[in-house]
PDB file of N, CA and C in Angstrom:
ATOM      1  N   MET A   1      22.698 -26.305 -11.883  1.00  0.00           N
ATOM      2  CA  MET A   1      23.331 -25.079 -11.480  1.00  0.00           C
ATOM      3  C   MET A   1      22.640 -24.570 -10.211  1.00  0.00           C
ATOM      4  N   ASP A   2      23.390 -24.460  -9.147  1.00  0.00           N
ATOM      5  CA  ASP A   2      22.842 -23.973  -7.888  1.00  0.00           C
ATOM      6  C   ASP A   2      22.775 -22.457  -7.889  1.00  0.00           C
ATOM      7  N   GLN A   3      21.611 -21.965  -7.545  1.00  0.00           N
ATOM      8  CA  GLN A   3      21.457 -20.518  -7.445  1.00  0.00           C
ATOM      9  C   GLN A   3      21.239 -20.145  -5.986  1.00  0.00           C
ATOM     10  N   LYS A   4      21.913 -19.118  -5.586  1.00  0.00           N
ATOM     11  CA  LYS A   4      21.767 -18.613  -4.233  1.00  0.00           C
ATOM     12  C   LYS A   4      20.430 -17.876  -4.146  1.00  0.00           C
ATOM     13  N   PRO A   5      19.614 -18.176  -3.126  1.00  0.00           N
ATOM     14  CA  PRO A   5      18.338 -17.473  -3.024  1.00  0.00           C
ATOM     15  C   PRO A   5      18.552 -15.977  -2.801  1.00  0.00           C
ATOM     16  N   ALA A   6      17.685 -15.193  -3.390  1.00  0.00           N
ATOM     17  CA  ALA A   6      17.790 -13.743  -3.237  1.00  0.00           C
ATOM     18  C   ALA A   6      17.531 -13.365  -1.786  1.00  0.00           C
ATOM     19  N   SER A   7      18.322 -12.450  -1.280  1.00  0.00           N
ATOM     20  CA  SER A   7      18.105 -11.997   0.084  1.00  0.00           C
ATOM     21  C   SER A   7      16.860 -11.119   0.120  1.00  0.00           C
ATOM     22  N   PRO A   8      16.114 -11.197   1.205  1.00  0.00           N
ATOM     23  CA  PRO A   8      14.912 -10.353   1.274  1.00  0.00           C
ATOM     24  C   PRO A   8      15.293  -8.880   1.310  1.00  0.00           C
ATOM     25  N   TYR A   9      14.616  -8.096   0.530  1.00  0.00           N
ATOM     26  CA  TYR A   9      14.921  -6.669   0.443  1.00  0.00           C
ATOM     27  C   TYR A   9      13.955  -5.928   1.351  1.00  0.00           C
ATOM     28  N   ASN A  10      14.457  -5.126   2.237  1.00  0.00           N
ATOM     29  CA  ASN A  10      13.605  -4.443   3.199  1.00  0.00           C
ATOM     30  C   ASN A  10      13.524  -2.952   2.865  1.00  0.00           C
ATOM     31  N   TYR A  11      12.456  -2.574   2.159  1.00  0.00           N
ATOM     32  CA  TYR A  11      12.274  -1.184   1.761  1.00  0.00           C
ATOM     33  C   TYR A  11      12.117  -0.267   2.966  1.00  0.00           C
ATOM     34  N   ALA A  12      11.448  -0.751   4.015  1.00  0.00           N
ATOM     35  CA  ALA A  12      11.233   0.073   5.204  1.00  0.00           C
ATOM     36  C   ALA A  12      12.562   0.448   5.847  1.00  0.00           C
ATOM     37  N   GLU A  13      13.470  -0.508   5.938  1.00  0.00           N
ATOM     38  CA  GLU A  13      14.785  -0.221   6.523  1.00  0.00           C
ATOM     39  C   GLU A  13      15.567   0.763   5.655  1.00  0.00           C
ATOM     40  N   GLU A  14      15.485   0.600   4.356  1.00  0.00           N
ATOM     41  CA  GLU A  14      16.189   1.510   3.449  1.00  0.00           C
ATOM     42  C   GLU A  14      15.621   2.921   3.560  1.00  0.00           C
ATOM     43  N   LEU A  15      14.287   3.030   3.608  1.00  0.00           N
ATOM     44  CA  LEU A  15      13.660   4.335   3.733  1.00  0.00           C
ATOM     45  C   LEU A  15      14.021   4.982   5.069  1.00  0.00           C
ATOM     46  N   ALA A  16      13.999   4.202   6.150  1.00  0.00           N
ATOM     47  CA  ALA A  16      14.359   4.732   7.468  1.00  0.00           C
ATOM     48  C   ALA A  16      15.796   5.244   7.465  1.00  0.00           C
ATOM     49  N   ALA A  17      16.697   4.494   6.847  1.00  0.00           N
ATOM     50  CA  ALA A  17      18.105   4.918   6.788  1.00  0.00           C
ATOM     51  C   ALA A  17      18.247   6.202   5.976  1.00  0.00           C
ATOM     52  N   LEU A  18      17.498   6.314   4.887  1.00  0.00           N
ATOM     53  CA  LEU A  18      17.535   7.518   4.060  1.00  0.00           C
ATOM     54  C   LEU A  18      17.058   8.730   4.855  1.00  0.00           C
ATOM     55  N   ILE A  19      15.947   8.564   5.556  1.00  0.00           N
ATOM     56  CA  ILE A  19      15.396   9.673   6.343  1.00  0.00           C
ATOM     57  C   ILE A  19      16.330  10.045   7.484  1.00  0.00           C
ATOM     58  N   GLU A  20      16.861   9.039   8.195  1.00  0.00           N
ATOM     59  CA  GLU A  20      17.769   9.303   9.321  1.00  0.00           C
ATOM     60  C   GLU A  20      19.041  10.022   8.872  1.00  0.00           C
ATOM     61  N   SER A  21      19.463   9.757   7.652  1.00  0.00           N
ATOM     62  CA  SER A  21      20.681  10.405   7.156  1.00  0.00           C
ATOM     63  C   SER A  21      20.408  11.819   6.646  1.00  0.00           C
ATOM     64  N   GLY A  22      19.124  12.195   6.594  1.00  0.00           N
ATOM     65  CA  GLY A  22      18.763  13.522   6.116  1.00  0.00           C
ATOM     66  C   GLY A  22      18.566  13.585   4.618  1.00  0.00           C
ATOM     67  N   GLY A  23      18.729  12.471   3.924  1.00  0.00           N
ATOM     68  CA  GLY A  23      18.615  12.447   2.468  1.00  0.00           C
ATOM     69  C   GLY A  23      17.234  12.760   1.946  1.00  0.00           C
ATOM     70  N   PHE A  24      16.207  12.441   2.729  1.00  0.00           N
ATOM     71  CA  PHE A  24      14.840  12.691   2.286  1.00  0.00           C
ATOM     72  C   PHE A  24      14.546  14.184   2.193  1.00  0.00           C
ATOM     73  N   TRP A  25      15.048  14.939   3.144  1.00  0.00           N
ATOM     74  CA  TRP A  25      14.645  16.338   3.256  1.00  0.00           C
ATOM     75  C   TRP A  25      15.124  17.202   2.100  1.00  0.00           C
ATOM     76  N   ARG A  26      16.154  16.811   1.407  1.00  0.00           N
ATOM     77  CA  ARG A  26      16.565  17.609   0.252  1.00  0.00           C
ATOM     78  C   ARG A  26      15.556  17.493  -0.875  1.00  0.00           C
ATOM     79  N   LEU A  27      14.686  16.485  -0.808  1.00  0.00           N
ATOM     80  CA  LEU A  27      13.657  16.285  -1.826  1.00  0.00           C
ATOM     81  C   LEU A  27      12.348  16.999  -1.479  1.00  0.00           C
ATOM     82  N   ALA A  28      12.182  17.369  -0.211  1.00  0.00           N
ATOM     83  CA  ALA A  28      10.937  17.986   0.247  1.00  0.00           C
ATOM     84  C   ALA A  28      11.071  19.504   0.278  1.00  0.00           C
ATOM     85  N   PRO A  29       9.992  20.215  -0.047  1.00  0.00           N
ATOM     86  CA  PRO A  29      10.056  21.676   0.031  1.00  0.00           C
ATOM     87  C   PRO A  29      10.234  22.135   1.477  1.00  0.00           C
ATOM     88  N   GLU A  30      10.729  23.339   1.654  1.00  0.00           N
ATOM     89  CA  GLU A  30      10.974  23.878   2.993  1.00  0.00           C
ATOM     90  C   GLU A  30       9.698  23.976   3.821  1.00  0.00           C
ATOM     91  N   SER A  31       8.550  24.029   3.181  1.00  0.00           N
ATOM     92  CA  SER A  31       7.283  24.160   3.906  1.00  0.00           C
ATOM     93  C   SER A  31       6.878  22.887   4.639  1.00  0.00           C
ATOM     94  N   VAL A  32       7.517  21.754   4.327  1.00  0.00           N
ATOM     95  CA  VAL A  32       7.193  20.491   4.984  1.00  0.00           C
ATOM     96  C   VAL A  32       7.856  20.471   6.364  1.00  0.00           C
ATOM     97  N   PRO A  33       7.060  20.250   7.444  1.00  0.00           N
ATOM     98  CA  PRO A  33       7.641  20.214   8.793  1.00  0.00           C
ATOM     99  C   PRO A  33       8.701  19.115   8.908  1.00  0.00           C
ATOM    100  N   ARG A  34       9.779  19.399   9.613  1.00  0.00           N
ATOM    101  CA  ARG A  34      10.872  18.435   9.760  1.00  0.00           C
ATOM    102  C   ARG A  34      10.766  17.615  11.046  1.00  0.00           C
ATOM    103  N   THR A  35       9.819  17.932  11.904  1.00  0.00           N
ATOM    104  CA  THR A  35       9.663  17.206  13.170  1.00  0.00           C
ATOM    105  C   THR A  35       8.198  16.864  13.386  1.00  0.00           C
ATOM    106  N   GLY A  36       7.945  16.031  14.401  1.00  0.00           N
ATOM    107  CA  GLY A  36       6.581  15.723  14.791  1.00  0.00           C
ATOM    108  C   GLY A  36       5.993  14.476  14.167  1.00  0.00           C
ATOM    109  N   TYR A  37       6.798  13.672  13.521  1.00  0.00           N
ATOM    110  CA  TYR A  37       6.296  12.458  12.891  1.00  0.00           C
ATOM    111  C   TYR A  37       6.385  11.276  13.854  1.00  0.00           C
ATOM    112  N   ALA A  38       5.471  10.335  13.722  1.00  0.00           N
ATOM    113  CA  ALA A  38       5.434   9.157  14.595  1.00  0.00           C
ATOM    114  C   ALA A  38       6.614   8.240  14.296  1.00  0.00           C
ATOM    115  N   ASP A  39       7.199   7.678  15.348  1.00  0.00           N
ATOM    116  CA  ASP A  39       8.283   6.714  15.181  1.00  0.00           C
ATOM    117  C   ASP A  39       7.757   5.323  14.841  1.00  0.00           C
ATOM    118  N   HIS A  40       6.537   5.030  15.286  1.00  0.00           N
ATOM    119  CA  HIS A  40       5.964   3.706  15.050  1.00  0.00           C
ATOM    120  C   HIS A  40       4.525   3.867  14.583  1.00  0.00           C
ATOM    121  N   VAL A  41       4.183   3.192  13.527  1.00  0.00           N
ATOM    122  CA  VAL A  41       2.830   3.237  12.987  1.00  0.00           C
ATOM    123  C   VAL A  41       2.286   1.816  12.988  1.00  0.00           C
ATOM    124  N   SER A  42       1.038   1.654  13.424  1.00  0.00           N
ATOM    125  CA  SER A  42       0.448   0.318  13.484  1.00  0.00           C
ATOM    126  C   SER A  42       0.159  -0.217  12.081  1.00  0.00           C
ATOM    127  N   ARG A  43       0.031  -1.513  11.991  1.00  0.00           N
ATOM    128  CA  ARG A  43      -0.270  -2.166  10.718  1.00  0.00           C
ATOM    129  C   ARG A  43      -1.620  -1.692  10.181  1.00  0.00           C
ATOM    130  N   ASP A  44      -2.599  -1.509  11.068  1.00  0.00           N
ATOM    131  CA  ASP A  44      -3.915  -1.040  10.636  1.00  0.00           C
ATOM    132  C   ASP A  44      -3.828   0.358  10.029  1.00  0.00           C
ATOM    133  N   THR A  45      -3.013   1.214  10.635  1.00  0.00           N
ATOM    134  CA  THR A  45      -2.844   2.560  10.104  1.00  0.00           C
ATOM    135  C   THR A  45      -2.194   2.509   8.729  1.00  0.00           C
ATOM    136  N   LEU A  46      -1.167   1.669   8.579  1.00  0.00           N
ATOM    137  CA  LEU A  46      -0.509   1.533   7.275  1.00  0.00           C
ATOM    138  C   LEU A  46      -1.475   1.022   6.212  1.00  0.00           C
ATOM    139  N   LYS A  47      -2.347   0.075   6.588  1.00  0.00           N
ATOM    140  CA  LYS A  47      -3.329  -0.441   5.637  1.00  0.00           C
ATOM    141  C   LYS A  47      -4.310   0.654   5.223  1.00  0.00           C
ATOM    142  N   ALA A  48      -4.712   1.490   6.179  1.00  0.00           N
ATOM    143  CA  ALA A  48      -5.627   2.589   5.860  1.00  0.00           C
ATOM    144  C   ALA A  48      -4.952   3.596   4.934  1.00  0.00           C
ATOM    145  N   ILE A  49      -3.683   3.885   5.182  1.00  0.00           N
ATOM    146  CA  ILE A  49      -2.932   4.800   4.319  1.00  0.00           C
ATOM    147  C   ILE A  49      -2.812   4.218   2.920  1.00  0.00           C
ATOM    148  N   GLU A  50      -2.461   2.937   2.844  1.00  0.00           N
ATOM    149  CA  GLU A  50      -2.335   2.284   1.540  1.00  0.00           C
ATOM    150  C   GLU A  50      -3.657   2.336   0.774  1.00  0.00           C
ATOM    151  N   ALA A  51      -4.762   2.043   1.459  1.00  0.00           N
ATOM    152  CA  ALA A  51      -6.073   2.072   0.811  1.00  0.00           C
ATOM    153  C   ALA A  51      -6.374   3.471   0.282  1.00  0.00           C
ATOM    154  N   GLY A  52      -6.076   4.485   1.076  1.00  0.00           N
ATOM    155  CA  GLY A  52      -6.315   5.859   0.646  1.00  0.00           C
ATOM    156  C   GLY A  52      -5.478   6.240  -0.561  1.00  0.00           C
ATOM    157  N   LEU A  53      -4.218   5.811  -0.563  1.00  0.00           N
ATOM    158  CA  LEU A  53      -3.360   6.099  -1.706  1.00  0.00           C
ATOM    159  C   LEU A  53      -3.829   5.395  -2.961  1.00  0.00           C
ATOM    160  N   ARG A  54      -4.273   4.154  -2.807  1.00  0.00           N
ATOM    161  CA  ARG A  54      -4.760   3.403  -3.970  1.00  0.00           C
ATOM    162  C   ARG A  54      -6.023   4.030  -4.556  1.00  0.00           C
ATOM    163  N   GLU A  55      -6.887   4.600  -3.702  1.00  0.00           N
ATOM    164  CA  GLU A  55      -8.089   5.276  -4.180  1.00  0.00           C
ATOM    165  C   GLU A  55      -7.735   6.462  -5.065  1.00  0.00           C
ATOM    166  N   GLY A  56      -6.592   7.085  -4.775  1.00  0.00           N
ATOM    167  CA  GLY A  56      -6.181   8.237  -5.551  1.00  0.00           C
ATOM    168  C   GLY A  56      -5.531   7.904  -6.878  1.00  0.00           C
ATOM    169  N   LEU A  57      -5.275   6.626  -7.121  1.00  0.00           N
ATOM    170  CA  LEU A  57      -4.632   6.245  -8.383  1.00  0.00           C
ATOM    171  C   LEU A  57      -5.616   6.212  -9.533  1.00  0.00           C
TER     172      LEU A  57
END
C-alpha cells in the first residue's frame, strides 16, 4: 500500500498568517502594544528565547 508522504507543516507561516489577519490580537489584552515588533528575528535570538522559555517550565 503506497502512502503519500506527509507534507511539511510550517507553524511559523501559520502563525504569521494568523497575526497578519489580526486573529492574534483578539486573544491579547488591550495593554499589549500592537506595533513595534521585529519583522525578522535571527536564529540565535530564537534559540535564546526558546532556552529562556524552557527554563520557566
